[in-house]
Amino acid sequence: MFGAPPGPQTDAEVAAIRHLVAEVEHAQHNELVDRFLSVFRRQDPVWTTGHGKRLSGFEEIAAFTRKVLPGAAAESTAVYDVERVLFLRPDVAAVNVRQQPVRHDGTRIADRPEGRPFYLLVKEDGTWRIGAAQNTVAVD
């Protein structure tokens, strides 16, 4: 499940990565634009939305997020589960996430597809940040 030898160092890094993914979930659930943007690298991140729109650079991601995030969780939200972490280097990790749509009471919305975000994380100054990401809708 996690592509590095087990041990305290790896466990701490995986915990930090899980925390970052929880920040993404919390920010989107609560429509917190600045908090969502805080998880990205400031230099040239890339984000591809679940609908295939590629956003290049922090300013483009920020403009898009400020436009679409407010109101996005009016009817429902999603829960995020880290399914796999692969350390490509000690400071670079590929992360697979399962994104399940839920109602505000936490019940699963069965007739909506799940998302499969993929994050390429970079550790800078001791903090994991999203360098590139793609959210893909999972279709049976």
N, C-alpha and C. Protein backbone atom coordinates (compact mmCIF):
# COMPACT_ATOMS: atom_id res chain seq x y z
N MET A 1 0.81 -1.19 0.00
CA MET A 1 0.00 0.00 0.00
C MET A 1 0.86 1.26 0.00
N PHE A 2 1.92 1.28 0.76
CA PHE A 2 2.75 2.46 0.85
C PHE A 2 4.14 2.09 0.37
N GLY A 3 4.60 2.78 -0.69
CA GLY A 3 5.80 2.40 -1.40
C GLY A 3 7.10 2.82 -0.77
N ALA A 4 7.32 2.50 0.47
CA ALA A 4 8.60 2.76 1.14
C ALA A 4 8.73 1.76 2.27
N PRO A 5 9.96 1.49 2.68
CA PRO A 5 10.12 0.56 3.81
C PRO A 5 9.39 1.09 5.04
N PRO A 6 8.71 0.22 5.77
CA PRO A 6 8.02 0.68 6.98
C PRO A 6 9.02 1.16 8.02
N GLY A 7 8.57 2.05 8.84
CA GLY A 7 9.42 2.55 9.92
C GLY A 7 8.91 3.89 10.39
N PRO A 8 9.48 4.39 11.48
CA PRO A 8 8.99 5.64 12.06
C PRO A 8 9.03 6.82 11.10
N GLN A 9 10.10 6.92 10.29
CA GLN A 9 10.21 8.04 9.35
C GLN A 9 9.11 7.96 8.31
N THR A 10 8.92 6.79 7.71
CA THR A 10 7.88 6.61 6.71
C THR A 10 6.51 6.83 7.32
N ASP A 11 6.28 6.29 8.50
CA ASP A 11 4.99 6.46 9.18
C ASP A 11 4.69 7.94 9.39
N ALA A 12 5.68 8.72 9.77
CA ALA A 12 5.48 10.15 10.00
C ALA A 12 5.17 10.87 8.70
N GLU A 13 5.85 10.48 7.63
CA GLU A 13 5.60 11.12 6.33
C GLU A 13 4.20 10.79 5.81
N VAL A 14 3.81 9.53 5.94
CA VAL A 14 2.47 9.13 5.51
C VAL A 14 1.42 9.86 6.34
N ALA A 15 1.65 10.01 7.62
CA ALA A 15 0.70 10.76 8.48
C ALA A 15 0.61 12.21 8.02
N ALA A 16 1.72 12.81 7.67
CA ALA A 16 1.71 14.20 7.18
C ALA A 16 0.97 14.30 5.85
N ILE A 17 1.13 13.31 4.99
CA ILE A 17 0.42 13.30 3.71
C ILE A 17 -1.07 13.11 3.93
N ARG A 18 -1.44 12.22 4.83
CA ARG A 18 -2.86 12.06 5.17
C ARG A 18 -3.45 13.36 5.70
N HIS A 19 -2.67 14.09 6.48
CA HIS A 19 -3.12 15.37 7.01
C HIS A 19 -3.36 16.37 5.87
N LEU A 20 -2.46 16.41 4.89
CA LEU A 20 -2.65 17.30 3.74
C LEU A 20 -3.94 16.96 3.00
N VAL A 21 -4.18 15.68 2.76
CA VAL A 21 -5.41 15.27 2.07
C VAL A 21 -6.63 15.64 2.90
N ALA A 22 -6.55 15.51 4.21
CA ALA A 22 -7.65 15.92 5.09
C ALA A 22 -7.87 17.44 5.01
N GLU A 23 -6.81 18.19 4.82
CA GLU A 23 -6.93 19.65 4.64
C GLU A 23 -7.69 19.96 3.36
N VAL A 24 -7.38 19.24 2.29
CA VAL A 24 -8.09 19.43 1.02
C VAL A 24 -9.57 19.14 1.23
N GLU A 25 -9.88 18.01 1.86
CA GLU A 25 -11.27 17.64 2.12
C GLU A 25 -11.98 18.72 2.95
N HIS A 26 -11.34 19.14 4.04
CA HIS A 26 -11.95 20.13 4.92
C HIS A 26 -12.19 21.46 4.19
N ALA A 27 -11.20 21.90 3.44
CA ALA A 27 -11.32 23.17 2.72
C ALA A 27 -12.43 23.11 1.68
N GLN A 28 -12.54 22.00 0.97
CA GLN A 28 -13.59 21.90 -0.04
C GLN A 28 -14.96 21.75 0.62
N HIS A 29 -15.04 20.95 1.66
CA HIS A 29 -16.32 20.75 2.35
C HIS A 29 -16.85 22.07 2.91
N ASN A 30 -15.95 22.89 3.42
CA ASN A 30 -16.34 24.16 4.05
C ASN A 30 -16.17 25.37 3.14
N GLU A 31 -15.83 25.11 1.88
CA GLU A 31 -15.68 26.15 0.86
C GLU A 31 -14.69 27.24 1.29
N LEU A 32 -13.55 26.82 1.81
CA LEU A 32 -12.51 27.73 2.31
C LEU A 32 -11.45 27.90 1.23
N VAL A 33 -11.63 28.90 0.41
CA VAL A 33 -10.77 29.09 -0.75
C VAL A 33 -9.30 29.22 -0.36
N ASP A 34 -8.98 30.12 0.55
CA ASP A 34 -7.57 30.35 0.91
C ASP A 34 -6.94 29.12 1.54
N ARG A 35 -7.71 28.41 2.33
CA ARG A 35 -7.18 27.18 2.95
C ARG A 35 -6.92 26.12 1.88
N PHE A 36 -7.82 26.01 0.90
CA PHE A 36 -7.60 25.07 -0.21
C PHE A 36 -6.33 25.45 -0.97
N LEU A 37 -6.18 26.72 -1.27
CA LEU A 37 -5.01 27.16 -2.04
C LEU A 37 -3.71 26.98 -1.27
N SER A 38 -3.77 26.93 0.06
CA SER A 38 -2.55 26.81 0.86
C SER A 38 -1.86 25.46 0.70
N VAL A 39 -2.53 24.47 0.12
CA VAL A 39 -1.91 23.15 -0.03
C VAL A 39 -1.07 23.04 -1.31
N PHE A 40 -1.10 24.07 -2.15
CA PHE A 40 -0.35 24.04 -3.41
C PHE A 40 1.01 24.68 -3.26
N ARG A 41 1.95 24.20 -4.07
CA ARG A 41 3.24 24.88 -4.21
C ARG A 41 2.96 26.25 -4.79
N ARG A 42 3.72 27.21 -4.43
CA ARG A 42 3.53 28.55 -4.98
C ARG A 42 4.16 28.69 -6.36
N GLN A 43 5.06 27.79 -6.72
CA GLN A 43 5.74 27.89 -8.01
C GLN A 43 5.22 26.84 -8.97
N ASP A 44 4.46 27.27 -9.92
CA ASP A 44 4.04 26.48 -11.06
C ASP A 44 3.33 25.15 -10.77
N PRO A 45 2.36 25.12 -9.88
CA PRO A 45 1.60 23.87 -9.73
C PRO A 45 0.69 23.67 -10.95
N VAL A 46 0.26 22.43 -11.12
CA VAL A 46 -0.67 22.10 -12.20
C VAL A 46 -1.83 21.33 -11.57
N TRP A 47 -3.04 21.68 -11.95
CA TRP A 47 -4.25 21.02 -11.43
C TRP A 47 -5.14 20.72 -12.62
N THR A 48 -5.56 19.48 -12.76
CA THR A 48 -6.54 19.12 -13.78
C THR A 48 -7.80 18.71 -13.04
N THR A 49 -8.90 19.39 -13.35
CA THR A 49 -10.16 19.16 -12.66
C THR A 49 -10.78 17.83 -13.08
N GLY A 50 -11.80 17.41 -12.36
CA GLY A 50 -12.51 16.18 -12.69
C GLY A 50 -13.20 16.23 -14.04
N HIS A 51 -13.34 17.43 -14.59
CA HIS A 51 -13.95 17.59 -15.91
C HIS A 51 -12.90 17.83 -16.99
N GLY A 52 -11.63 17.67 -16.63
CA GLY A 52 -10.56 17.74 -17.61
C GLY A 52 -10.00 19.12 -17.89
N LYS A 53 -10.36 20.12 -17.13
CA LYS A 53 -9.82 21.47 -17.33
C LYS A 53 -8.45 21.54 -16.66
N ARG A 54 -7.42 21.81 -17.45
CA ARG A 54 -6.07 21.92 -16.90
C ARG A 54 -5.80 23.36 -16.51
N LEU A 55 -5.36 23.52 -15.28
CA LEU A 55 -5.02 24.83 -14.73
C LEU A 55 -3.53 24.84 -14.45
N SER A 56 -2.83 25.80 -15.01
CA SER A 56 -1.37 25.86 -14.87
C SER A 56 -0.96 27.11 -14.12
N GLY A 57 -0.22 26.93 -13.06
CA GLY A 57 0.28 28.04 -12.27
C GLY A 57 -0.66 28.40 -11.13
N PHE A 58 -0.08 28.92 -10.08
CA PHE A 58 -0.86 29.22 -8.88
C PHE A 58 -1.96 30.22 -9.15
N GLU A 59 -1.69 31.27 -9.91
CA GLU A 59 -2.70 32.31 -10.16
C GLU A 59 -3.90 31.77 -10.91
N GLU A 60 -3.68 30.90 -11.88
CA GLU A 60 -4.79 30.32 -12.63
C GLU A 60 -5.62 29.39 -11.74
N ILE A 61 -4.95 28.60 -10.91
CA ILE A 61 -5.66 27.73 -9.97
C ILE A 61 -6.46 28.58 -8.98
N ALA A 62 -5.86 29.64 -8.48
CA ALA A 62 -6.53 30.51 -7.52
C ALA A 62 -7.76 31.17 -8.14
N ALA A 63 -7.65 31.69 -9.34
CA ALA A 63 -8.79 32.35 -10.00
C ALA A 63 -9.93 31.37 -10.21
N PHE A 64 -9.62 30.17 -10.66
CA PHE A 64 -10.64 29.15 -10.87
C PHE A 64 -11.31 28.77 -9.55
N THR A 65 -10.50 28.56 -8.52
CA THR A 65 -11.01 28.15 -7.22
C THR A 65 -11.92 29.22 -6.62
N ARG A 66 -11.52 30.47 -6.73
CA ARG A 66 -12.35 31.56 -6.19
C ARG A 66 -13.69 31.66 -6.91
N LYS A 67 -13.72 31.20 -8.15
CA LYS A 67 -14.95 31.24 -8.93
C LYS A 67 -15.87 30.06 -8.62
N VAL A 68 -15.32 28.85 -8.45
CA VAL A 68 -16.17 27.66 -8.36
C VAL A 68 -16.35 27.10 -6.95
N LEU A 69 -15.42 27.35 -6.04
CA LEU A 69 -15.55 26.73 -4.72
C LEU A 69 -16.71 27.29 -3.89
N PRO A 70 -16.89 28.60 -3.83
CA PRO A 70 -18.05 29.08 -3.08
C PRO A 70 -19.36 28.56 -3.70
N GLY A 71 -20.13 27.86 -2.90
CA GLY A 71 -21.38 27.28 -3.38
C GLY A 71 -21.27 25.85 -3.84
N ALA A 72 -20.04 25.34 -3.98
CA ALA A 72 -19.85 23.99 -4.49
C ALA A 72 -20.39 22.91 -3.56
N ALA A 73 -20.41 23.18 -2.26
CA ALA A 73 -20.85 22.18 -1.29
C ALA A 73 -22.27 22.46 -0.79
N ALA A 74 -23.04 23.22 -1.55
CA ALA A 74 -24.39 23.59 -1.11
C ALA A 74 -25.28 22.36 -0.92
N GLU A 75 -25.18 21.40 -1.83
CA GLU A 75 -26.06 20.24 -1.77
C GLU A 75 -25.38 18.98 -1.27
N SER A 76 -24.09 18.88 -1.47
CA SER A 76 -23.36 17.68 -1.06
C SER A 76 -21.88 18.01 -0.97
N THR A 77 -21.13 17.03 -0.51
CA THR A 77 -19.68 17.18 -0.41
C THR A 77 -19.05 15.83 -0.72
N ALA A 78 -17.85 15.60 -0.25
CA ALA A 78 -17.18 14.32 -0.50
C ALA A 78 -16.25 14.00 0.67
N VAL A 79 -16.01 12.72 0.86
CA VAL A 79 -15.00 12.28 1.81
C VAL A 79 -13.82 11.74 1.02
N TYR A 80 -12.63 11.93 1.56
CA TYR A 80 -11.39 11.56 0.90
C TYR A 80 -10.68 10.49 1.71
N ASP A 81 -10.24 9.45 1.03
CA ASP A 81 -9.46 8.39 1.67
C ASP A 81 -8.18 8.18 0.88
N VAL A 82 -7.06 8.27 1.56
CA VAL A 82 -5.77 7.98 0.93
C VAL A 82 -5.70 6.47 0.74
N GLU A 83 -5.55 6.05 -0.51
CA GLU A 83 -5.49 4.61 -0.79
C GLU A 83 -4.06 4.11 -1.01
N ARG A 84 -3.19 4.99 -1.49
CA ARG A 84 -1.82 4.55 -1.78
C ARG A 84 -0.89 5.75 -1.76
N VAL A 85 0.27 5.55 -1.18
CA VAL A 85 1.34 6.54 -1.21
C VAL A 85 2.57 5.83 -1.74
N LEU A 86 3.15 6.38 -2.78
CA LEU A 86 4.38 5.85 -3.35
C LEU A 86 5.43 6.95 -3.28
N PHE A 87 6.47 6.72 -2.50
CA PHE A 87 7.55 7.70 -2.40
C PHE A 87 8.49 7.50 -3.59
N LEU A 88 8.51 8.48 -4.48
CA LEU A 88 9.40 8.42 -5.64
C LEU A 88 10.81 8.84 -5.23
N ARG A 89 10.87 9.72 -4.28
CA ARG A 89 12.09 10.15 -3.59
C ARG A 89 11.64 10.51 -2.18
N PRO A 90 12.53 10.72 -1.26
CA PRO A 90 12.09 11.09 0.09
C PRO A 90 11.25 12.37 0.13
N ASP A 91 11.42 13.25 -0.87
CA ASP A 91 10.69 14.51 -0.89
C ASP A 91 9.65 14.61 -2.01
N VAL A 92 9.33 13.48 -2.65
CA VAL A 92 8.33 13.44 -3.72
C VAL A 92 7.48 12.19 -3.54
N ALA A 93 6.16 12.38 -3.51
CA ALA A 93 5.25 11.24 -3.31
C ALA A 93 4.10 11.30 -4.31
N ALA A 94 3.75 10.14 -4.83
CA ALA A 94 2.56 9.98 -5.67
C ALA A 94 1.47 9.41 -4.78
N VAL A 95 0.30 10.07 -4.78
CA VAL A 95 -0.75 9.71 -3.84
C VAL A 95 -2.07 9.47 -4.58
N ASN A 96 -2.63 8.29 -4.39
CA ASN A 96 -3.95 7.96 -4.93
C ASN A 96 -4.98 8.16 -3.83
N VAL A 97 -6.07 8.86 -4.17
CA VAL A 97 -7.12 9.18 -3.23
C VAL A 97 -8.45 8.68 -3.79
N ARG A 98 -9.29 8.19 -2.91
CA ARG A 98 -10.67 7.82 -3.26
C ARG A 98 -11.58 8.94 -2.72
N GLN A 99 -12.37 9.51 -3.59
CA GLN A 99 -13.23 10.64 -3.25
C GLN A 99 -14.69 10.18 -3.43
N GLN A 100 -15.40 10.03 -2.32
CA GLN A 100 -16.77 9.53 -2.36
C GLN A 100 -17.76 10.66 -2.08
N PRO A 101 -18.73 10.86 -2.98
CA PRO A 101 -19.73 11.90 -2.74
C PRO A 101 -20.67 11.50 -1.61
N VAL A 102 -20.93 12.46 -0.72
CA VAL A 102 -21.81 12.22 0.43
C VAL A 102 -22.72 13.42 0.65
N ARG A 103 -23.83 13.14 1.31
CA ARG A 103 -24.71 14.22 1.77
C ARG A 103 -24.07 14.84 3.01
N HIS A 104 -24.60 15.96 3.43
CA HIS A 104 -24.02 16.64 4.61
C HIS A 104 -24.17 15.83 5.88
N ASP A 105 -25.08 14.87 5.90
CA ASP A 105 -25.20 14.00 7.08
C ASP A 105 -24.24 12.81 7.01
N GLY A 106 -23.42 12.75 5.94
CA GLY A 106 -22.43 11.70 5.80
C GLY A 106 -22.87 10.48 5.02
N THR A 107 -24.14 10.41 4.61
CA THR A 107 -24.60 9.24 3.85
C THR A 107 -24.10 9.32 2.42
N ARG A 108 -23.69 8.19 1.91
CA ARG A 108 -23.15 8.05 0.55
C ARG A 108 -24.22 8.34 -0.48
N ILE A 109 -23.86 9.04 -1.54
CA ILE A 109 -24.76 9.31 -2.66
C ILE A 109 -24.45 8.28 -3.74
N ALA A 110 -25.27 7.24 -3.79
CA ALA A 110 -24.99 6.08 -4.63
C ALA A 110 -25.08 6.36 -6.13
N ASP A 111 -25.89 7.33 -6.53
CA ASP A 111 -26.06 7.54 -7.97
C ASP A 111 -25.09 8.57 -8.56
N ARG A 112 -24.08 8.97 -7.80
CA ARG A 112 -23.04 9.87 -8.30
C ARG A 112 -21.72 9.12 -8.36
N PRO A 113 -20.95 9.34 -9.40
CA PRO A 113 -19.67 8.65 -9.49
C PRO A 113 -18.66 9.16 -8.47
N GLU A 114 -17.77 8.30 -8.10
CA GLU A 114 -16.67 8.69 -7.22
C GLU A 114 -15.59 9.38 -8.03
N GLY A 115 -14.72 10.08 -7.32
CA GLY A 115 -13.54 10.67 -7.94
C GLY A 115 -12.31 9.89 -7.55
N ARG A 116 -11.27 9.99 -8.35
CA ARG A 116 -10.00 9.35 -8.07
C ARG A 116 -8.87 10.36 -8.21
N PRO A 117 -8.79 11.31 -7.27
CA PRO A 117 -7.69 12.27 -7.34
C PRO A 117 -6.33 11.58 -7.27
N PHE A 118 -5.41 12.12 -8.02
CA PHE A 118 -4.02 11.68 -8.00
C PHE A 118 -3.18 12.92 -7.73
N TYR A 119 -2.43 12.90 -6.65
CA TYR A 119 -1.61 14.05 -6.26
C TYR A 119 -0.13 13.69 -6.38
N LEU A 120 0.62 14.58 -6.98
CA LEU A 120 2.06 14.48 -6.96
C LEU A 120 2.52 15.53 -5.95
N LEU A 121 2.98 15.04 -4.80
CA LEU A 121 3.34 15.93 -3.70
C LEU A 121 4.84 16.15 -3.65
N VAL A 122 5.19 17.36 -3.24
CA VAL A 122 6.59 17.74 -3.09
C VAL A 122 6.77 18.29 -1.68
N LYS A 123 7.81 17.82 -1.01
CA LYS A 123 8.09 18.31 0.34
C LYS A 123 9.10 19.45 0.24
N GLU A 124 8.65 20.63 0.67
CA GLU A 124 9.50 21.82 0.62
C GLU A 124 9.51 22.46 2.00
N ASP A 125 10.69 22.75 2.50
CA ASP A 125 10.83 23.36 3.83
C ASP A 125 10.07 22.57 4.89
N GLY A 126 10.11 21.25 4.78
CA GLY A 126 9.50 20.38 5.78
C GLY A 126 8.00 20.19 5.65
N THR A 127 7.39 20.74 4.60
CA THR A 127 5.93 20.67 4.43
C THR A 127 5.58 20.06 3.08
N TRP A 128 4.65 19.11 3.09
CA TRP A 128 4.15 18.52 1.84
C TRP A 128 3.18 19.48 1.19
N ARG A 129 3.31 19.66 -0.13
CA ARG A 129 2.43 20.52 -0.92
C ARG A 129 2.13 19.82 -2.26
N ILE A 130 1.02 20.20 -2.85
CA ILE A 130 0.64 19.65 -4.16
C ILE A 130 1.44 20.37 -5.24
N GLY A 131 2.20 19.58 -6.00
CA GLY A 131 2.92 20.13 -7.15
C GLY A 131 2.11 19.95 -8.42
N ALA A 132 1.43 18.82 -8.51
CA ALA A 132 0.55 18.54 -9.65
C ALA A 132 -0.53 17.58 -9.19
N ALA A 133 -1.70 17.71 -9.79
CA ALA A 133 -2.81 16.85 -9.40
C ALA A 133 -3.79 16.71 -10.55
N GLN A 134 -4.47 15.59 -10.55
CA GLN A 134 -5.55 15.36 -11.50
C GLN A 134 -6.67 14.64 -10.78
N ASN A 135 -7.87 15.15 -10.95
CA ASN A 135 -9.04 14.48 -10.38
C ASN A 135 -9.78 13.84 -11.55
N THR A 136 -10.00 12.55 -11.45
CA THR A 136 -10.66 11.80 -12.51
C THR A 136 -11.94 11.20 -11.97
N VAL A 137 -13.01 11.30 -12.72
CA VAL A 137 -14.26 10.67 -12.35
C VAL A 137 -14.14 9.19 -12.63
N ALA A 138 -14.51 8.37 -11.64
CA ALA A 138 -14.43 6.91 -11.80
C ALA A 138 -15.74 6.42 -12.44
N VAL A 139 -15.61 5.77 -13.58
CA VAL A 139 -16.78 5.26 -14.29
C VAL A 139 -16.69 3.74 -14.34
N ASP A 140 -17.81 3.09 -14.00
CA ASP A 140 -17.82 1.62 -14.06
C ASP A 140 -17.80 1.13 -15.49
